[in-house]
Amino acid sequence: MSTTGTDIEQQRQRRGGLRGELLLAIPPTVVVLLAVLLLETLRNERILFASLAASAFLIYRDPVHPMNGVRVMLAAHSVAVVTGVACGTLLGPGYGAAALAMVVTILVLIVFHIVHPPAVSTALGFAFFAHPIQAVGLFVVALAMIAVLIVLQRTALWTLRRLQPPAPSAEDADS
């Protein structure tokens, strides 16, 4: 299915034009940059950057999609962290653990209807992590980042509601 320039322009107008697009893009960008700073400052670990950036972009792109809902994001990333740490602990950090973590995470996300694709990156990152005891600390940081993503999702929804013109009332239709 091809998207035409007209389709893109109509979608941009529904999102408040260029101003609306920028208002939706700024919060996830700021959140990811703050996450980078936080993780660099606290742990010097870069394990969560890819998945958090992908989640933030999905929230910007379509904050009302069920895949970007609070329940789905929280559950998917939590499953991914646990699966990645478990596989890394059982098999040792590396490609075998990452492959198993990826497959198990995808299966669980599908079976429980909590598909959020960036969570697969979370599972891979934790499966490669060499220090399972430190992974508990990173898990807490991951949960904090998920909470920030949830606030970001709510902010995007609020922004979209403010950018959309009010629906015509029944009185307007009669005149």
C-alpha atoms as a PDB file:
ATOM      1  CA  MET A   1       0.000   0.000   0.000  1.00  0.00           C
ATOM      2  CA  SER A   2       1.487   3.265  -1.172  1.00  0.00           C
ATOM      3  CA  THR A   3       1.058   6.563   0.634  1.00  0.00           C
ATOM      4  CA  THR A   4       0.662   9.597  -1.604  1.00  0.00           C
ATOM      5  CA  GLY A   5       1.747  13.126  -0.873  1.00  0.00           C
ATOM      6  CA  THR A   6      -1.916  14.063  -0.466  1.00  0.00           C
ATOM      7  CA  ASP A   7      -2.420  11.319   2.149  1.00  0.00           C
ATOM      8  CA  ILE A   8       0.624  12.499   4.070  1.00  0.00           C
ATOM      9  CA  GLU A   9      -0.557  16.108   3.966  1.00  0.00           C
ATOM     10  CA  GLN A  10      -4.047  15.110   5.181  1.00  0.00           C
ATOM     11  CA  GLN A  11      -2.523  13.147   8.035  1.00  0.00           C
ATOM     12  CA  ARG A  12      -0.272  16.094   8.940  1.00  0.00           C
ATOM     13  CA  GLN A  13      -3.292  18.404   8.998  1.00  0.00           C
ATOM     14  CA  ARG A  14      -5.144  16.018  11.364  1.00  0.00           C
ATOM     15  CA  ARG A  15      -2.119  16.216  13.653  1.00  0.00           C
ATOM     16  CA  GLY A  16      -2.096  20.031  13.719  1.00  0.00           C
ATOM     17  CA  GLY A  17       0.116  20.771  10.715  1.00  0.00           C
ATOM     18  CA  LEU A  18       3.847  21.316  11.022  1.00  0.00           C
ATOM     19  CA  ARG A  19       3.402  22.980  14.429  1.00  0.00           C
ATOM     20  CA  GLY A  20       1.508  19.930  15.714  1.00  0.00           C
ATOM     21  CA  GLU A  21       4.099  17.525  14.314  1.00  0.00           C
ATOM     22  CA  LEU A  22       6.852  19.427  16.108  1.00  0.00           C
ATOM     23  CA  LEU A  23       4.860  19.563  19.358  1.00  0.00           C
ATOM     24  CA  LEU A  24       4.465  15.782  19.165  1.00  0.00           C
ATOM     25  CA  ALA A  25       8.116  15.136  18.252  1.00  0.00           C
ATOM     26  CA  ILE A  26       9.760  17.298  20.924  1.00  0.00           C
ATOM     27  CA  PRO A  27       8.706  15.358  24.069  1.00  0.00           C
ATOM     28  CA  PRO A  28       9.972  11.918  22.933  1.00  0.00           C
ATOM     29  CA  THR A  29      13.229  13.469  21.758  1.00  0.00           C
ATOM     30  CA  VAL A  30      13.747  15.169  25.115  1.00  0.00           C
ATOM     31  CA  VAL A  31      12.854  11.963  27.000  1.00  0.00           C
ATOM     32  CA  VAL A  32      15.363   9.862  25.071  1.00  0.00           C
ATOM     33  CA  LEU A  33      18.098  12.465  25.524  1.00  0.00           C
ATOM     34  CA  LEU A  34      17.367  12.595  29.268  1.00  0.00           C
ATOM     35  CA  ALA A  35      17.438   8.781  29.382  1.00  0.00           C
ATOM     36  CA  VAL A  36      20.830   8.773  27.677  1.00  0.00           C
ATOM     37  CA  LEU A  37      22.129  11.331  30.172  1.00  0.00           C
ATOM     38  CA  LEU A  38      20.650   9.437  33.132  1.00  0.00           C
ATOM     39  CA  LEU A  39      22.030   6.058  32.125  1.00  0.00           C
ATOM     40  CA  GLU A  40      25.406   7.526  31.199  1.00  0.00           C
ATOM     41  CA  THR A  41      25.635   9.336  34.524  1.00  0.00           C
ATOM     42  CA  LEU A  42      24.359   6.546  36.773  1.00  0.00           C
ATOM     43  CA  ARG A  43      25.606   3.323  35.212  1.00  0.00           C
ATOM     44  CA  ASN A  44      27.641   4.038  32.096  1.00  0.00           C
ATOM     45  CA  GLU A  45      25.386   1.470  30.426  1.00  0.00           C
ATOM     46  CA  ARG A  46      23.818   1.889  27.025  1.00  0.00           C
ATOM     47  CA  ILE A  47      21.642  -1.214  27.115  1.00  0.00           C
ATOM     48  CA  LEU A  48      18.249   0.485  26.851  1.00  0.00           C
ATOM     49  CA  PHE A  49      18.849   3.270  24.333  1.00  0.00           C
ATOM     50  CA  ALA A  50      17.631   1.502  21.186  1.00  0.00           C
ATOM     51  CA  SER A  51      14.411   0.115  22.617  1.00  0.00           C
ATOM     52  CA  LEU A  52      13.513   3.305  24.484  1.00  0.00           C
ATOM     53  CA  ALA A  53      14.162   5.449  21.420  1.00  0.00           C
ATOM     54  CA  ALA A  54      11.992   3.120  19.320  1.00  0.00           C
ATOM     55  CA  SER A  55       9.191   3.212  21.918  1.00  0.00           C
ATOM     56  CA  ALA A  56       9.383   6.996  22.088  1.00  0.00           C
ATOM     57  CA  PHE A  57       9.146   7.280  18.308  1.00  0.00           C
ATOM     58  CA  LEU A  58       6.150   4.946  18.178  1.00  0.00           C
ATOM     59  CA  ILE A  59       4.420   7.060  20.814  1.00  0.00           C
ATOM     60  CA  TYR A  60       5.082  10.181  18.749  1.00  0.00           C
ATOM     61  CA  ARG A  61       3.902   8.529  15.550  1.00  0.00           C
ATOM     62  CA  ASP A  62       0.675   7.024  16.858  1.00  0.00           C
ATOM     63  CA  PRO A  63      -0.044   7.644  20.546  1.00  0.00           C
ATOM     64  CA  VAL A  64      -3.589   6.231  20.289  1.00  0.00           C
ATOM     65  CA  HIS A  65      -2.546   2.875  18.816  1.00  0.00           C
ATOM     66  CA  PRO A  66      -3.176   0.019  21.283  1.00  0.00           C
ATOM     67  CA  MET A  67       0.452  -1.111  20.840  1.00  0.00           C
ATOM     68  CA  ASN A  68       1.512   2.146  22.509  1.00  0.00           C
ATOM     69  CA  GLY A  69      -0.901   1.928  25.427  1.00  0.00           C
ATOM     70  CA  VAL A  70       0.258   1.933  29.031  1.00  0.00           C
ATOM     71  CA  ARG A  71      -0.674  -1.705  29.738  1.00  0.00           C
ATOM     72  CA  VAL A  72       1.001  -3.021  26.600  1.00  0.00           C
ATOM     73  CA  MET A  73       4.233  -1.032  26.957  1.00  0.00           C
ATOM     74  CA  LEU A  74       4.649  -1.833  30.631  1.00  0.00           C
ATOM     75  CA  ALA A  75       3.894  -5.529  30.198  1.00  0.00           C
ATOM     76  CA  ALA A  76       5.960  -5.952  27.020  1.00  0.00           C
ATOM     77  CA  HIS A  77       9.102  -4.271  28.347  1.00  0.00           C
ATOM     78  CA  SER A  78       8.776  -6.077  31.694  1.00  0.00           C
ATOM     79  CA  VAL A  79       8.489  -9.456  29.953  1.00  0.00           C
ATOM     80  CA  ALA A  80      11.468  -8.529  27.791  1.00  0.00           C
ATOM     81  CA  VAL A  81      13.699  -7.592  30.736  1.00  0.00           C
ATOM     82  CA  VAL A  82      12.858 -10.752  32.671  1.00  0.00           C
ATOM     83  CA  THR A  83      13.289 -12.945  29.583  1.00  0.00           C
ATOM     84  CA  GLY A  84      16.580 -11.322  28.599  1.00  0.00           C
ATOM     85  CA  VAL A  85      18.048 -11.600  32.102  1.00  0.00           C
ATOM     86  CA  ALA A  86      16.842 -15.197  32.473  1.00  0.00           C
ATOM     87  CA  CYS A  87      18.285 -16.286  29.115  1.00  0.00           C
ATOM     88  CA  GLY A  88      21.566 -14.483  29.786  1.00  0.00           C
ATOM     89  CA  THR A  89      21.821 -16.134  33.198  1.00  0.00           C
ATOM     90  CA  LEU A  90      20.941 -19.621  31.922  1.00  0.00           C
ATOM     91  CA  LEU A  91      23.090 -19.624  28.787  1.00  0.00           C
ATOM     92  CA  GLY A  92      25.626 -16.947  29.596  1.00  0.00           C
ATOM     93  CA  PRO A  93      25.611 -13.608  27.812  1.00  0.00           C
ATOM     94  CA  GLY A  94      25.932 -13.940  24.067  1.00  0.00           C
ATOM     95  CA  TYR A  95      24.235 -14.806  20.814  1.00  0.00           C
ATOM     96  CA  GLY A  96      22.601 -18.012  22.057  1.00  0.00           C
ATOM     97  CA  ALA A  97      20.983 -16.211  24.984  1.00  0.00           C
ATOM     98  CA  ALA A  98      19.970 -13.318  22.725  1.00  0.00           C
ATOM     99  CA  ALA A  99      18.377 -15.643  20.154  1.00  0.00           C
ATOM    100  CA  LEU A 100      16.434 -17.515  22.827  1.00  0.00           C
ATOM    101  CA  ALA A 101      15.389 -14.258  24.534  1.00  0.00           C
ATOM    102  CA  MET A 102      14.161 -12.876  21.232  1.00  0.00           C
ATOM    103  CA  VAL A 103      12.107 -15.962  20.355  1.00  0.00           C
ATOM    104  CA  VAL A 104      10.608 -16.342  23.844  1.00  0.00           C
ATOM    105  CA  THR A 105       9.792 -12.626  24.073  1.00  0.00           C
ATOM    106  CA  ILE A 106       8.054 -12.610  20.684  1.00  0.00           C
ATOM    107  CA  LEU A 107       6.022 -15.690  21.606  1.00  0.00           C
ATOM    108  CA  VAL A 108       4.941 -14.280  24.975  1.00  0.00           C
ATOM    109  CA  LEU A 109       4.053 -10.912  23.483  1.00  0.00           C
ATOM    110  CA  ILE A 110       1.889 -12.552  20.814  1.00  0.00           C
ATOM    111  CA  VAL A 111       0.209 -15.080  23.119  1.00  0.00           C
ATOM    112  CA  PHE A 112      -0.700 -12.445  25.718  1.00  0.00           C
ATOM    113  CA  HIS A 113      -1.654  -9.751  23.160  1.00  0.00           C
ATOM    114  CA  ILE A 114       0.952  -7.296  24.414  1.00  0.00           C
ATOM    115  CA  VAL A 115       2.899  -6.735  21.200  1.00  0.00           C
ATOM    116  CA  HIS A 116       5.208  -3.725  21.415  1.00  0.00           C
ATOM    117  CA  PRO A 117       8.120  -4.328  18.974  1.00  0.00           C
ATOM    118  CA  PRO A 118      10.779  -2.281  20.836  1.00  0.00           C
ATOM    119  CA  ALA A 119      10.498  -4.766  23.708  1.00  0.00           C
ATOM    120  CA  VAL A 120      12.331  -7.306  21.543  1.00  0.00           C
ATOM    121  CA  SER A 121      15.349  -4.973  21.584  1.00  0.00           C
ATOM    122  CA  THR A 122      15.057  -4.785  25.359  1.00  0.00           C
ATOM    123  CA  ALA A 123      15.213  -8.591  25.590  1.00  0.00           C
ATOM    124  CA  LEU A 124      18.252  -8.730  23.302  1.00  0.00           C
ATOM    125  CA  GLY A 125      20.088  -6.064  25.271  1.00  0.00           C
ATOM    126  CA  PHE A 126      19.592  -7.804  28.598  1.00  0.00           C
ATOM    127  CA  ALA A 127      20.551 -11.204  27.141  1.00  0.00           C
ATOM    128  CA  PHE A 128      23.934  -9.744  26.171  1.00  0.00           C
ATOM    129  CA  PHE A 129      24.436  -8.150  29.593  1.00  0.00           C
ATOM    130  CA  ALA A 130      27.282  -9.903  31.406  1.00  0.00           C
ATOM    131  CA  HIS A 131      26.442  -9.060  35.027  1.00  0.00           C
ATOM    132  CA  PRO A 132      23.100 -10.547  36.138  1.00  0.00           C
ATOM    133  CA  ILE A 133      23.311  -9.000  39.625  1.00  0.00           C
ATOM    134  CA  GLN A 134      23.727  -5.527  38.122  1.00  0.00           C
ATOM    135  CA  ALA A 135      20.821  -6.373  35.800  1.00  0.00           C
ATOM    136  CA  VAL A 136      18.479  -5.991  38.769  1.00  0.00           C
ATOM    137  CA  GLY A 137      19.562  -2.358  39.093  1.00  0.00           C
ATOM    138  CA  LEU A 138      19.116  -1.875  35.367  1.00  0.00           C
ATOM    139  CA  PHE A 139      15.687  -3.473  35.645  1.00  0.00           C
ATOM    140  CA  VAL A 140      14.698  -0.749  38.118  1.00  0.00           C
ATOM    141  CA  VAL A 141      16.070   1.877  35.739  1.00  0.00           C
ATOM    142  CA  ALA A 142      14.135   0.199  32.892  1.00  0.00           C
ATOM    143  CA  LEU A 143      10.902   0.371  34.878  1.00  0.00           C
ATOM    144  CA  ALA A 144      11.549   4.058  35.571  1.00  0.00           C
ATOM    145  CA  MET A 145      12.091   4.627  31.859  1.00  0.00           C
ATOM    146  CA  ILE A 146       8.840   2.797  31.081  1.00  0.00           C
ATOM    147  CA  ALA A 147       7.063   5.103  33.532  1.00  0.00           C
ATOM    148  CA  VAL A 148       8.543   8.063  31.659  1.00  0.00           C
ATOM    149  CA  LEU A 149       7.311   6.558  28.374  1.00  0.00           C
ATOM    150  CA  ILE A 150       3.832   6.288  29.869  1.00  0.00           C
ATOM    151  CA  VAL A 151       3.895   9.967  30.851  1.00  0.00           C
ATOM    152  CA  LEU A 152       5.139  10.720  27.338  1.00  0.00           C
ATOM    153  CA  GLN A 153       2.264   8.756  25.811  1.00  0.00           C
ATOM    154  CA  ARG A 154      -0.262  10.638  27.941  1.00  0.00           C
ATOM    155  CA  THR A 155       1.354  13.959  26.969  1.00  0.00           C
ATOM    156  CA  ALA A 156       1.126  13.063  23.270  1.00  0.00           C
ATOM    157  CA  LEU A 157      -2.568  12.174  23.627  1.00  0.00           C
ATOM    158  CA  TRP A 158      -3.252  15.448  25.438  1.00  0.00           C
ATOM    159  CA  THR A 159      -1.365  17.373  22.742  1.00  0.00           C
ATOM    160  CA  LEU A 160      -3.318  15.653  19.965  1.00  0.00           C
ATOM    161  CA  ARG A 161      -6.633  16.465  21.626  1.00  0.00           C
ATOM    162  CA  ARG A 162      -5.653  20.130  21.918  1.00  0.00           C
ATOM    163  CA  LEU A 163      -4.533  20.295  18.276  1.00  0.00           C
ATOM    164  CA  GLN A 164      -7.709  18.819  16.795  1.00  0.00           C
ATOM    165  CA  PRO A 165     -10.476  21.252  15.950  1.00  0.00           C
ATOM    166  CA  PRO A 166     -13.673  20.791  17.968  1.00  0.00           C
ATOM    167  CA  ALA A 167     -16.278  18.522  16.401  1.00  0.00           C
ATOM    168  CA  PRO A 168     -19.271  20.360  14.946  1.00  0.00           C
ATOM    169  CA  SER A 169     -22.273  20.332  17.267  1.00  0.00           C
ATOM    170  CA  ALA A 170     -25.823  19.404  16.260  1.00  0.00           C
ATOM    171  CA  GLU A 171     -26.743  23.085  16.329  1.00  0.00           C
ATOM    172  CA  ASP A 172     -23.999  23.861  13.797  1.00  0.00           C
ATOM    173  CA  ALA A 173     -25.316  21.154  11.469  1.00  0.00           C
ATOM    174  CA  ASP A 174     -28.837  22.655  11.509  1.00  0.00           C
ATOM    175  CA  SER A 175     -27.705  26.123  10.467  1.00  0.00           C
END
